[in-house]
Protein backbone atom coordinates (compact mmCIF):
# COMPACT_ATOMS: atom_id res chain seq x y z
CA MET A 1 22.98 -87.84 143.44
CA LEU A 2 20.14 -85.69 143.42
CA GLU A 3 17.09 -86.82 142.04
CA PHE A 4 14.15 -84.86 141.25
CA VAL A 5 10.49 -85.89 140.08
CA LYS A 6 7.43 -83.59 138.82
CA ARG A 7 4.87 -83.64 142.05
CA GLU A 8 1.28 -83.50 142.20
CA LEU A 9 -0.78 -81.56 144.57
CA GLU A 10 -3.96 -83.66 145.72
CA PHE A 11 -6.85 -82.25 147.27
CA LYS A 12 -10.59 -82.94 147.91
CA PHE A 13 -13.45 -80.74 146.75
CA ASP A 14 -17.04 -81.67 147.38
CA ASP A 15 -15.82 -85.69 148.17
CA GLU A 16 -14.17 -85.61 144.83
CA VAL A 17 -10.46 -86.04 144.91
CA TYR A 18 -8.36 -83.79 142.21
CA LYS A 19 -5.02 -83.95 141.28
CA ILE A 20 -2.95 -80.97 139.71
CA LYS A 21 0.87 -80.78 138.76
CA PHE A 22 3.34 -78.42 140.45
CA PRO A 23 4.11 -75.51 137.97
CA THR A 24 7.41 -75.29 136.14
CA VAL A 25 9.77 -72.57 136.40
CA LYS A 26 8.22 -71.31 132.86
CA GLU A 27 4.55 -71.66 134.07
CA MET A 28 5.53 -69.79 137.49
CA SER A 29 7.03 -66.92 135.29
CA GLU A 30 4.38 -66.74 133.04
CA TYR A 31 1.79 -66.74 135.86
CA SER A 32 3.46 -64.14 137.76
CA LYS A 33 4.13 -61.76 134.89
CA THR A 34 0.18 -62.07 133.78
CA TYR A 35 -1.17 -61.74 137.64
CA ASP A 36 0.80 -58.36 137.83
CA GLU A 37 -0.42 -57.29 134.47
CA LYS A 38 -4.03 -57.91 134.74
CA GLU A 39 -6.81 -56.36 136.69
CA ASP A 40 -8.81 -59.35 136.96
CA LYS A 41 -7.08 -61.65 139.17
CA PHE A 42 -9.31 -64.15 139.48
CA GLU A 43 -9.38 -64.94 135.79
CA VAL A 44 -5.74 -65.38 135.96
CA ILE A 45 -5.91 -67.79 138.70
CA VAL A 46 -8.44 -69.76 136.90
CA ASN A 47 -6.38 -70.02 133.91
CA PHE A 48 -3.10 -70.99 136.00
CA LEU A 49 -4.91 -73.79 137.27
CA GLU A 50 -6.56 -75.08 134.25
CA LYS A 51 -2.68 -75.24 132.87
CA LEU A 52 -1.74 -77.33 135.76
CA GLY A 53 -4.44 -79.73 134.93
CA LEU A 54 -7.71 -78.32 137.10
CA GLN A 55 -10.84 -78.44 134.94
CA ARG A 56 -12.44 -74.63 134.37
CA ASP A 57 -15.88 -75.75 135.09
CA ILE A 58 -14.55 -77.01 138.72
CA THR A 59 -12.28 -74.26 139.32
CA GLU A 60 -15.64 -71.96 138.92
CA GLN A 61 -17.93 -73.81 141.46
CA MET A 62 -15.06 -73.20 144.28
CA GLU A 63 -14.65 -70.56 146.80
CA VAL A 64 -12.25 -67.68 146.50
CA ASN A 65 -10.30 -69.08 149.63
CA HIS A 66 -10.37 -72.70 147.93
CA LEU A 67 -8.40 -71.23 144.94
CA THR A 68 -6.09 -68.99 147.12
CA THR A 69 -5.36 -72.02 149.23
CA ILE A 70 -4.43 -73.90 146.13
CA VAL A 71 -2.14 -71.32 144.68
CA LYS A 72 -0.47 -70.74 148.01
CA ALA A 73 0.21 -74.49 148.21
CA LEU A 74 1.62 -74.61 144.57
CA THR A 75 3.87 -71.78 144.96
CA GLU A 76 5.28 -71.60 148.29
CA GLU A 77 8.94 -73.22 148.80
CA LYS A 78 9.13 -75.80 151.66
CA LYS A 79 11.53 -74.84 153.97
């Protein structure tokens, strides 16, 4: 029997631990579509992470590579 549970990504930023959920198929589809359509990619990323539970004020304090690393961790399939 296969059993699936929702996962969370845990990371540390400025000595504070944060948890955000992994995106559902619908959330990932919306993110991909919006990312392809919008010119302001970082606003799309901030909105995506906010939907997954990361507060906007925290996201806006982070460096660009922090955000891209988090998105990569959330969207890449493990092999």
